[in-house]
Amino acid sequence: MASADWEYPEHRKFERVPNLEQVDKSDRKAVYAARNQKIRDDWVKAMEARIIKEKLDECYRTEGVNHYQNCRELANMYFTALKENKVEGFRKKPSSA
């Protein structure tokens, strides 16, 4: 089998574009780029929370009965990530307050 001429996407750098509020709605390319950026950013945050959870699980297993003290910092990071790092998507309606 011949070697592939492409790189894995996890090493790809994406150009930052203005967010959906700053983009002209009539420019379809700009709206599409802003939507994709928003989705990528949301998923990166979700995956960060997932990595913290995996580290927390490992800490629980290795620390045993002392996990309440020794894993507290990871647990706090995980709970903060759960609250703040939700995948919202680009169709989220602004809250009417």
PDB file of N, CA and C in Angstrom:
ATOM      1  N   MET A   1       0.839  -1.177   0.000  1.00  0.00           N
ATOM      2  CA  MET A   1       0.000   0.000   0.000  1.00  0.00           C
ATOM      3  C   MET A   1       0.883   1.240   0.000  1.00  0.00           C
ATOM      4  N   ALA A   2       0.580   2.191  -0.866  1.00  0.00           N
ATOM      5  CA  ALA A   2       1.373   3.410  -0.990  1.00  0.00           C
ATOM      6  C   ALA A   2       1.124   4.331   0.201  1.00  0.00           C
ATOM      7  N   SER A   3       2.131   5.108   0.539  1.00  0.00           N
ATOM      8  CA  SER A   3       1.968   6.037   1.666  1.00  0.00           C
ATOM      9  C   SER A   3       1.046   7.190   1.257  1.00  0.00           C
ATOM     10  N   ALA A   4       0.324   7.687   2.209  1.00  0.00           N
ATOM     11  CA  ALA A   4      -0.637   8.765   1.944  1.00  0.00           C
ATOM     12  C   ALA A   4       0.094  10.097   1.796  1.00  0.00           C
ATOM     13  N   ASP A   5      -0.434  10.955   0.938  1.00  0.00           N
ATOM     14  CA  ASP A   5       0.156  12.266   0.718  1.00  0.00           C
ATOM     15  C   ASP A   5      -0.469  13.338   1.608  1.00  0.00           C
ATOM     16  N   TRP A   6      -1.350  12.951   2.503  1.00  0.00           N
ATOM     17  CA  TRP A   6      -2.032  13.930   3.331  1.00  0.00           C
ATOM     18  C   TRP A   6      -1.606  13.770   4.778  1.00  0.00           C
ATOM     19  N   GLU A   7      -1.822  14.804   5.540  1.00  0.00           N
ATOM     20  CA  GLU A   7      -1.503  14.804   6.967  1.00  0.00           C
ATOM     21  C   GLU A   7      -2.762  14.503   7.757  1.00  0.00           C
ATOM     22  N   TYR A   8      -2.602  14.005   8.956  1.00  0.00           N
ATOM     23  CA  TYR A   8      -3.750  13.776   9.813  1.00  0.00           C
ATOM     24  C   TYR A   8      -4.376  15.099  10.207  1.00  0.00           C
ATOM     25  N   PRO A   9      -5.715  15.177  10.277  1.00  0.00           N
ATOM     26  CA  PRO A   9      -6.372  16.464  10.555  1.00  0.00           C
ATOM     27  C   PRO A   9      -6.114  17.018  11.948  1.00  0.00           C
ATOM     28  N   GLU A  10      -5.687  16.198  12.916  1.00  0.00           N
ATOM     29  CA  GLU A  10      -5.473  16.729  14.264  1.00  0.00           C
ATOM     30  C   GLU A  10      -4.306  17.712  14.333  1.00  0.00           C
ATOM     31  N   HIS A  11      -3.472  17.755  13.283  1.00  0.00           N
ATOM     32  CA  HIS A  11      -2.354  18.684  13.258  1.00  0.00           C
ATOM     33  C   HIS A  11      -2.628  19.877  12.346  1.00  0.00           C
ATOM     34  N   ARG A  12      -3.827  19.962  11.850  1.00  0.00           N
ATOM     35  CA  ARG A  12      -4.170  21.030  10.926  1.00  0.00           C
ATOM     36  C   ARG A  12      -4.478  22.312  11.685  1.00  0.00           C
ATOM     37  N   LYS A  13      -3.980  23.420  11.187  1.00  0.00           N
ATOM     38  CA  LYS A  13      -4.252  24.729  11.779  1.00  0.00           C
ATOM     39  C   LYS A  13      -5.322  25.420  10.949  1.00  0.00           C
ATOM     40  N   PHE A  14      -6.344  25.926  11.606  1.00  0.00           N
ATOM     41  CA  PHE A  14      -7.415  26.629  10.929  1.00  0.00           C
ATOM     42  C   PHE A  14      -7.245  28.129  11.147  1.00  0.00           C
ATOM     43  N   GLU A  15      -7.507  28.881  10.098  1.00  0.00           N
ATOM     44  CA  GLU A  15      -7.431  30.331  10.187  1.00  0.00           C
ATOM     45  C   GLU A  15      -8.600  30.835  11.031  1.00  0.00           C
ATOM     46  N   ARG A  16      -8.323  31.751  11.946  1.00  0.00           N
ATOM     47  CA  ARG A  16      -9.373  32.326  12.780  1.00  0.00           C
ATOM     48  C   ARG A  16     -10.168  33.334  11.956  1.00  0.00           C
ATOM     49  N   VAL A  17     -11.474  33.278  12.070  1.00  0.00           N
ATOM     50  CA  VAL A  17     -12.360  34.181  11.340  1.00  0.00           C
ATOM     51  C   VAL A  17     -13.246  34.905  12.345  1.00  0.00           C
ATOM     52  N   PRO A  18     -13.903  35.996  11.939  1.00  0.00           N
ATOM     53  CA  PRO A  18     -14.829  36.676  12.854  1.00  0.00           C
ATOM     54  C   PRO A  18     -15.964  35.735  13.254  1.00  0.00           C
ATOM     55  N   ASN A  19     -16.510  35.950  14.452  1.00  0.00           N
ATOM     56  CA  ASN A  19     -17.594  35.074  14.911  1.00  0.00           C
ATOM     57  C   ASN A  19     -18.913  35.437  14.227  1.00  0.00           C
ATOM     58  N   LEU A  20     -19.955  34.668  14.508  1.00  0.00           N
ATOM     59  CA  LEU A  20     -21.228  34.825  13.800  1.00  0.00           C
ATOM     60  C   LEU A  20     -21.870  36.198  13.992  1.00  0.00           C
ATOM     61  N   GLU A  21     -21.659  36.829  15.136  1.00  0.00           N
ATOM     62  CA  GLU A  21     -22.243  38.142  15.376  1.00  0.00           C
ATOM     63  C   GLU A  21     -21.548  39.224  14.551  1.00  0.00           C
ATOM     64  N   GLN A  22     -20.293  39.000  14.187  1.00  0.00           N
ATOM     65  CA  GLN A  22     -19.517  40.003  13.470  1.00  0.00           C
ATOM     66  C   GLN A  22     -19.563  39.834  11.952  1.00  0.00           C
ATOM     67  N   VAL A  23     -20.117  38.727  11.478  1.00  0.00           N
ATOM     68  CA  VAL A  23     -20.099  38.416  10.056  1.00  0.00           C
ATOM     69  C   VAL A  23     -21.323  39.008   9.363  1.00  0.00           C
ATOM     70  N   ASP A  24     -21.125  39.487   8.132  1.00  0.00           N
ATOM     71  CA  ASP A  24     -22.231  39.960   7.306  1.00  0.00           C
ATOM     72  C   ASP A  24     -23.066  38.741   6.897  1.00  0.00           C
ATOM     73  N   LYS A  25     -24.351  38.740   7.250  1.00  0.00           N
ATOM     74  CA  LYS A  25     -25.216  37.581   7.013  1.00  0.00           C
ATOM     75  C   LYS A  25     -25.418  37.266   5.536  1.00  0.00           C
ATOM     76  N   SER A  26     -25.175  38.235   4.665  1.00  0.00           N
ATOM     77  CA  SER A  26     -25.359  37.985   3.235  1.00  0.00           C
ATOM     78  C   SER A  26     -24.136  37.307   2.604  1.00  0.00           C
ATOM     79  N   ASP A  27     -23.025  37.274   3.307  1.00  0.00           N
ATOM     80  CA  ASP A  27     -21.809  36.628   2.809  1.00  0.00           C
ATOM     81  C   ASP A  27     -21.809  35.162   3.253  1.00  0.00           C
ATOM     82  N   ARG A  28     -22.239  34.283   2.360  1.00  0.00           N
ATOM     83  CA  ARG A  28     -22.413  32.870   2.718  1.00  0.00           C
ATOM     84  C   ARG A  28     -21.106  32.192   3.115  1.00  0.00           C
ATOM     85  N   LYS A  29     -20.020  32.506   2.425  1.00  0.00           N
ATOM     86  CA  LYS A  29     -18.740  31.879   2.753  1.00  0.00           C
ATOM     87  C   LYS A  29     -18.296  32.257   4.161  1.00  0.00           C
ATOM     88  N   ALA A  30     -18.463  33.525   4.513  1.00  0.00           N
ATOM     89  CA  ALA A  30     -18.051  33.990   5.837  1.00  0.00           C
ATOM     90  C   ALA A  30     -18.929  33.372   6.924  1.00  0.00           C
ATOM     91  N   VAL A  31     -20.234  33.266   6.671  1.00  0.00           N
ATOM     92  CA  VAL A  31     -21.137  32.653   7.643  1.00  0.00           C
ATOM     93  C   VAL A  31     -20.777  31.181   7.833  1.00  0.00           C
ATOM     94  N   TYR A  32     -20.522  30.484   6.734  1.00  0.00           N
ATOM     95  CA  TYR A  32     -20.154  29.072   6.800  1.00  0.00           C
ATOM     96  C   TYR A  32     -18.852  28.880   7.572  1.00  0.00           C
ATOM     97  N   ALA A  33     -17.852  29.737   7.320  1.00  0.00           N
ATOM     98  CA  ALA A  33     -16.575  29.650   8.027  1.00  0.00           C
ATOM     99  C   ALA A  33     -16.762  29.936   9.515  1.00  0.00           C
ATOM    100  N   ALA A  34     -17.595  30.918   9.856  1.00  0.00           N
ATOM    101  CA  ALA A  34     -17.843  31.245  11.266  1.00  0.00           C
ATOM    102  C   ALA A  34     -18.576  30.103  11.970  1.00  0.00           C
ATOM    103  N   ARG A  35     -19.527  29.467  11.295  1.00  0.00           N
ATOM    104  CA  ARG A  35     -20.238  28.317  11.872  1.00  0.00           C
ATOM    105  C   ARG A  35     -19.272  27.176  12.148  1.00  0.00           C
ATOM    106  N   ASN A  36     -18.433  26.874  11.175  1.00  0.00           N
ATOM    107  CA  ASN A  36     -17.474  25.778  11.357  1.00  0.00           C
ATOM    108  C   ASN A  36     -16.504  26.070  12.491  1.00  0.00           C
ATOM    109  N   GLN A  37     -16.070  27.319  12.594  1.00  0.00           N
ATOM    110  CA  GLN A  37     -15.166  27.695  13.677  1.00  0.00           C
ATOM    111  C   GLN A  37     -15.848  27.525  15.031  1.00  0.00           C
ATOM    112  N   LYS A  38     -17.103  27.949  15.132  1.00  0.00           N
ATOM    113  CA  LYS A  38     -17.850  27.819  16.384  1.00  0.00           C
ATOM    114  C   LYS A  38     -17.986  26.355  16.785  1.00  0.00           C
ATOM    115  N   ILE A  39     -18.305  25.504  15.834  1.00  0.00           N
ATOM    116  CA  ILE A  39     -18.459  24.074  16.127  1.00  0.00           C
ATOM    117  C   ILE A  39     -17.124  23.473  16.558  1.00  0.00           C
ATOM    118  N   ARG A  40     -16.039  23.823  15.849  1.00  0.00           N
ATOM    119  CA  ARG A  40     -14.713  23.307  16.229  1.00  0.00           C
ATOM    120  C   ARG A  40     -14.345  23.752  17.633  1.00  0.00           C
ATOM    121  N   ASP A  41     -14.564  25.031  17.934  1.00  0.00           N
ATOM    122  CA  ASP A  41     -14.226  25.543  19.261  1.00  0.00           C
ATOM    123  C   ASP A  41     -15.018  24.835  20.357  1.00  0.00           C
ATOM    124  N   ASP A  42     -16.316  24.621  20.114  1.00  0.00           N
ATOM    125  CA  ASP A  42     -17.144  23.922  21.100  1.00  0.00           C
ATOM    126  C   ASP A  42     -16.652  22.501  21.330  1.00  0.00           C
ATOM    127  N   TRP A  43     -16.304  21.811  20.260  1.00  0.00           N
ATOM    128  CA  TRP A  43     -15.853  20.425  20.408  1.00  0.00           C
ATOM    129  C   TRP A  43     -14.483  20.337  21.065  1.00  0.00           C
ATOM    130  N   VAL A  44     -13.629  21.302  20.832  1.00  0.00           N
ATOM    131  CA  VAL A  44     -12.332  21.315  21.513  1.00  0.00           C
ATOM    132  C   VAL A  44     -12.553  21.439  23.023  1.00  0.00           C
ATOM    133  N   LYS A  45     -13.460  22.323  23.416  1.00  0.00           N
ATOM    134  CA  LYS A  45     -13.765  22.479  24.841  1.00  0.00           C
ATOM    135  C   LYS A  45     -14.357  21.199  25.428  1.00  0.00           C
ATOM    136  N   ALA A  46     -15.241  20.542  24.693  1.00  0.00           N
ATOM    137  CA  ALA A  46     -15.835  19.301  25.165  1.00  0.00           C
ATOM    138  C   ALA A  46     -14.778  18.211  25.314  1.00  0.00           C
ATOM    139  N   MET A  47     -13.851  18.146  24.390  1.00  0.00           N
ATOM    140  CA  MET A  47     -12.800  17.135  24.473  1.00  0.00           C
ATOM    141  C   MET A  47     -11.823  17.440  25.600  1.00  0.00           C
ATOM    142  N   GLU A  48     -11.612  18.715  25.908  1.00  0.00           N
ATOM    143  CA  GLU A  48     -10.784  19.065  27.062  1.00  0.00           C
ATOM    144  C   GLU A  48     -11.424  18.524  28.348  1.00  0.00           C
ATOM    145  N   ALA A  49     -12.745  18.676  28.453  1.00  0.00           N
ATOM    146  CA  ALA A  49     -13.448  18.147  29.623  1.00  0.00           C
ATOM    147  C   ALA A  49     -13.321  16.619  29.674  1.00  0.00           C
ATOM    148  N   ARG A  50     -13.368  15.986  28.537  1.00  0.00           N
ATOM    149  CA  ARG A  50     -13.245  14.526  28.483  1.00  0.00           C
ATOM    150  C   ARG A  50     -11.861  14.069  28.952  1.00  0.00           C
ATOM    151  N   ILE A  51     -10.821  14.788  28.553  1.00  0.00           N
ATOM    152  CA  ILE A  51      -9.459  14.449  28.980  1.00  0.00           C
ATOM    153  C   ILE A  51      -9.311  14.630  30.484  1.00  0.00           C
ATOM    154  N   ILE A  52      -9.883  15.710  31.015  1.00  0.00           N
ATOM    155  CA  ILE A  52      -9.833  15.924  32.469  1.00  0.00           C
ATOM    156  C   ILE A  52     -10.536  14.781  33.182  1.00  0.00           C
ATOM    157  N   LYS A  53     -11.682  14.334  32.664  1.00  0.00           N
ATOM    158  CA  LYS A  53     -12.420  13.222  33.267  1.00  0.00           C
ATOM    159  C   LYS A  53     -11.594  11.944  33.258  1.00  0.00           C
ATOM    160  N   GLU A  54     -10.899  11.675  32.164  1.00  0.00           N
ATOM    161  CA  GLU A  54     -10.053  10.480  32.100  1.00  0.00           C
ATOM    162  C   GLU A  54      -8.932  10.544  33.130  1.00  0.00           C
ATOM    163  N   LYS A  55      -8.328  11.726  33.294  1.00  0.00           N
ATOM    164  CA  LYS A  55      -7.275  11.890  34.298  1.00  0.00           C
ATOM    165  C   LYS A  55      -7.843  11.750  35.713  1.00  0.00           C
ATOM    166  N   LEU A  56      -9.055  12.241  35.914  1.00  0.00           N
ATOM    167  CA  LEU A  56      -9.704  12.113  37.213  1.00  0.00           C
ATOM    168  C   LEU A  56      -9.996  10.650  37.531  1.00  0.00           C
ATOM    169  N   ASP A  57     -10.483   9.901  36.556  1.00  0.00           N
ATOM    170  CA  ASP A  57     -10.729   8.468  36.759  1.00  0.00           C
ATOM    171  C   ASP A  57      -9.442   7.731  37.107  1.00  0.00           C
ATOM    172  N   GLU A  58      -8.364   8.076  36.419  1.00  0.00           N
ATOM    173  CA  GLU A  58      -7.071   7.447  36.696  1.00  0.00           C
ATOM    174  C   GLU A  58      -6.595   7.799  38.107  1.00  0.00           C
ATOM    175  N   CYS A  59      -6.805   9.050  38.505  1.00  0.00           N
ATOM    176  CA  CYS A  59      -6.423   9.483  39.849  1.00  0.00           C
ATOM    177  C   CYS A  59      -7.217   8.719  40.901  1.00  0.00           C
ATOM    178  N   TYR A  60      -8.522   8.533  40.683  1.00  0.00           N
ATOM    179  CA  TYR A  60      -9.343   7.767  41.620  1.00  0.00           C
ATOM    180  C   TYR A  60      -8.819   6.347  41.774  1.00  0.00           C
ATOM    181  N   ARG A  61      -8.437   5.738  40.650  1.00  0.00           N
ATOM    182  CA  ARG A  61      -7.952   4.352  40.714  1.00  0.00           C
ATOM    183  C   ARG A  61      -6.623   4.248  41.443  1.00  0.00           C
ATOM    184  N   THR A  62      -5.717   5.187  41.195  1.00  0.00           N
ATOM    185  CA  THR A  62      -4.380   5.083  41.775  1.00  0.00           C
ATOM    186  C   THR A  62      -4.323   5.546  43.222  1.00  0.00           C
ATOM    187  N   GLU A  63      -5.162   6.489  43.609  1.00  0.00           N
ATOM    188  CA  GLU A  63      -5.084   7.046  44.962  1.00  0.00           C
ATOM    189  C   GLU A  63      -5.860   6.246  46.000  1.00  0.00           C
ATOM    190  N   GLY A  64      -6.822   5.462  45.562  1.00  0.00           N
ATOM    191  CA  GLY A  64      -7.580   4.649  46.516  1.00  0.00           C
ATOM    192  C   GLY A  64      -8.388   5.492  47.476  1.00  0.00           C
ATOM    193  N   VAL A  65      -8.239   5.194  48.785  1.00  0.00           N
ATOM    194  CA  VAL A  65      -9.057   5.883  49.785  1.00  0.00           C
ATOM    195  C   VAL A  65      -8.671   7.348  49.975  1.00  0.00           C
ATOM    196  N   ASN A  66      -7.517   7.746  49.498  1.00  0.00           N
ATOM    197  CA  ASN A  66      -7.075   9.135  49.632  1.00  0.00           C
ATOM    198  C   ASN A  66      -7.499  10.008  48.455  1.00  0.00           C
ATOM    199  N   HIS A  67      -8.374   9.496  47.606  1.00  0.00           N
ATOM    200  CA  HIS A  67      -8.720  10.248  46.402  1.00  0.00           C
ATOM    201  C   HIS A  67      -9.470  11.537  46.702  1.00  0.00           C
ATOM    202  N   TYR A  68     -10.163  11.613  47.838  1.00  0.00           N
ATOM    203  CA  TYR A  68     -10.877  12.853  48.174  1.00  0.00           C
ATOM    204  C   TYR A  68      -9.905  14.021  48.311  1.00  0.00           C
ATOM    205  N   GLN A  69      -8.759  13.778  48.918  1.00  0.00           N
ATOM    206  CA  GLN A  69      -7.771  14.842  49.091  1.00  0.00           C
ATOM    207  C   GLN A  69      -6.898  15.023  47.862  1.00  0.00           C
ATOM    208  N   ASN A  70      -6.410  13.924  47.312  1.00  0.00           N
ATOM    209  CA  ASN A  70      -5.391  14.009  46.272  1.00  0.00           C
ATOM    210  C   ASN A  70      -5.947  14.325  44.880  1.00  0.00           C
ATOM    211  N   CYS A  71      -7.221  14.121  44.657  1.00  0.00           N
ATOM    212  CA  CYS A  71      -7.807  14.366  43.339  1.00  0.00           C
ATOM    213  C   CYS A  71      -8.761  15.560  43.333  1.00  0.00           C
ATOM    214  N   ARG A  72      -8.776  16.314  44.408  1.00  0.00           N
ATOM    215  CA  ARG A  72      -9.714  17.430  44.528  1.00  0.00           C
ATOM    216  C   ARG A  72      -9.537  18.461  43.418  1.00  0.00           C
ATOM    217  N   GLU A  73      -8.291  18.789  43.098  1.00  0.00           N
ATOM    218  CA  GLU A  73      -8.041  19.807  42.070  1.00  0.00           C
ATOM    219  C   GLU A  73      -8.584  19.350  40.708  1.00  0.00           C
ATOM    220  N   LEU A  74      -8.359  18.093  40.353  1.00  0.00           N
ATOM    221  CA  LEU A  74      -8.890  17.570  39.091  1.00  0.00           C
ATOM    222  C   LEU A  74     -10.418  17.553  39.099  1.00  0.00           C
ATOM    223  N   ALA A  75     -10.996  17.189  40.242  1.00  0.00           N
ATOM    224  CA  ALA A  75     -12.455  17.156  40.335  1.00  0.00           C
ATOM    225  C   ALA A  75     -13.043  18.554  40.155  1.00  0.00           C
ATOM    226  N   ASN A  76     -12.419  19.550  40.762  1.00  0.00           N
ATOM    227  CA  ASN A  76     -12.889  20.932  40.595  1.00  0.00           C
ATOM    228  C   ASN A  76     -12.746  21.401  39.151  1.00  0.00           C
ATOM    229  N   MET A  77     -11.628  21.028  38.508  1.00  0.00           N
ATOM    230  CA  MET A  77     -11.445  21.383  37.100  1.00  0.00           C
ATOM    231  C   MET A  77     -12.521  20.725  36.238  1.00  0.00           C
ATOM    232  N   TYR A  78     -12.852  19.475  36.544  1.00  0.00           N
ATOM    233  CA  TYR A  78     -13.845  18.752  35.755  1.00  0.00           C
ATOM    234  C   TYR A  78     -15.236  19.363  35.913  1.00  0.00           C
ATOM    235  N   PHE A  79     -15.619  19.679  37.140  1.00  0.00           N
ATOM    236  CA  PHE A  79     -16.935  20.277  37.354  1.00  0.00           C
ATOM    237  C   PHE A  79     -17.047  21.653  36.702  1.00  0.00           C
ATOM    238  N   THR A  80     -15.977  22.430  36.734  1.00  0.00           N
ATOM    239  CA  THR A  80     -15.970  23.716  36.049  1.00  0.00           C
ATOM    240  C   THR A  80     -16.093  23.523  34.540  1.00  0.00           C
ATOM    241  N   ALA A  81     -15.372  22.545  34.006  1.00  0.00           N
ATOM    242  CA  ALA A  81     -15.432  22.270  32.563  1.00  0.00           C
ATOM    243  C   ALA A  81     -16.824  21.799  32.159  1.00  0.00           C
ATOM    244  N   LEU A  82     -17.479  21.014  32.995  1.00  0.00           N
ATOM    245  CA  LEU A  82     -18.835  20.552  32.677  1.00  0.00           C
ATOM    246  C   LEU A  82     -19.811  21.721  32.578  1.00  0.00           C
ATOM    247  N   LYS A  83     -19.663  22.691  33.463  1.00  0.00           N
ATOM    248  CA  LYS A  83     -20.558  23.844  33.443  1.00  0.00           C
ATOM    249  C   LYS A  83     -20.298  24.755  32.255  1.00  0.00           C
ATOM    250  N   GLU A  84     -19.017  24.987  31.947  1.00  0.00           N
ATOM    251  CA  GLU A  84     -18.661  26.019  30.972  1.00  0.00           C
ATOM    252  C   GLU A  84     -18.458  25.506  29.557  1.00  0.00           C
ATOM    253  N   ASN A  85     -18.095  24.255  29.381  1.00  0.00           N
ATOM    254  CA  ASN A  85     -17.685  23.755  28.071  1.00  0.00           C
ATOM    255  C   ASN A  85     -18.761  22.895  27.427  1.00  0.00           C
ATOM    256  N   LYS A  86     -19.901  23.470  27.171  1.00  0.00           N
ATOM    257  CA  LYS A  86     -20.978  22.731  26.524  1.00  0.00           C
ATOM    258  C   LYS A  86     -20.986  23.016  25.032  1.00  0.00           C
ATOM    259  N   VAL A  87     -21.349  21.994  24.258  1.00  0.00           N
ATOM    260  CA  VAL A  87     -21.457  22.164  22.816  1.00  0.00           C
ATOM    261  C   VAL A  87     -22.801  22.825  22.547  1.00  0.00           C
ATOM    262  N   GLU A  88     -22.761  24.072  22.087  1.00  0.00           N
ATOM    263  CA  GLU A  88     -23.982  24.829  21.867  1.00  0.00           C
ATOM    264  C   GLU A  88     -24.394  24.828  20.391  1.00  0.00           C
ATOM    265  N   GLY A  89     -23.419  24.780  19.518  1.00  0.00           N
ATOM    266  CA  GLY A  89     -23.717  24.880  18.104  1.00  0.00           C
ATOM    267  C   GLY A  89     -23.927  26.327  17.696  1.00  0.00           C
ATOM    268  N   PHE A  90     -24.210  26.533  16.433  1.00  0.00           N
ATOM    269  CA  PHE A  90     -24.341  27.899  15.936  1.00  0.00           C
ATOM    270  C   PHE A  90     -25.794  28.365  15.902  1.00  0.00           C
ATOM    271  N   ARG A  91     -26.748  27.503  16.181  1.00  0.00           N
ATOM    272  CA  ARG A  91     -28.149  27.894  16.121  1.00  0.00           C
ATOM    273  C   ARG A  91     -28.737  28.296  17.471  1.00  0.00           C
ATOM    274  N   LYS A  92     -27.913  28.402  18.467  1.00  0.00           N
ATOM    275  CA  LYS A  92     -28.392  28.765  19.795  1.00  0.00           C
ATOM    276  C   LYS A  92     -29.008  30.153  19.753  1.00  0.00           C
ATOM    277  N   LYS A  93     -30.208  30.265  20.288  1.00  0.00           N
ATOM    278  CA  LYS A  93     -30.899  31.556  20.340  1.00  0.00           C
ATOM    279  C   LYS A  93     -30.366  32.366  21.527  1.00  0.00           C
ATOM    280  N   PRO A  94     -30.161  33.664  21.329  1.00  0.00           N
ATOM    281  CA  PRO A  94     -29.721  34.476  22.463  1.00  0.00           C
ATOM    282  C   PRO A  94     -30.813  34.529  23.530  1.00  0.00           C
ATOM    283  N   SER A  95     -30.382  34.510  24.767  1.00  0.00           N
ATOM    284  CA  SER A  95     -31.348  34.530  25.871  1.00  0.00           C
ATOM    285  C   SER A  95     -32.028  35.891  25.943  1.00  0.00           C
ATOM    286  N   SER A  96     -33.330  35.880  26.083  1.00  0.00           N
ATOM    287  CA  SER A  96     -34.085  37.134  26.173  1.00  0.00           C
ATOM    288  C   SER A  96     -34.283  37.475  27.642  1.00  0.00           C
ATOM    289  N   ALA A  97     -33.430  38.326  28.153  1.00  0.00           N
ATOM    290  CA  ALA A  97     -33.496  38.699  29.560  1.00  0.00           C
ATOM    291  C   ALA A  97     -33.946  40.120  29.727  1.00  0.00           C
TER     292      ALA A  97
END
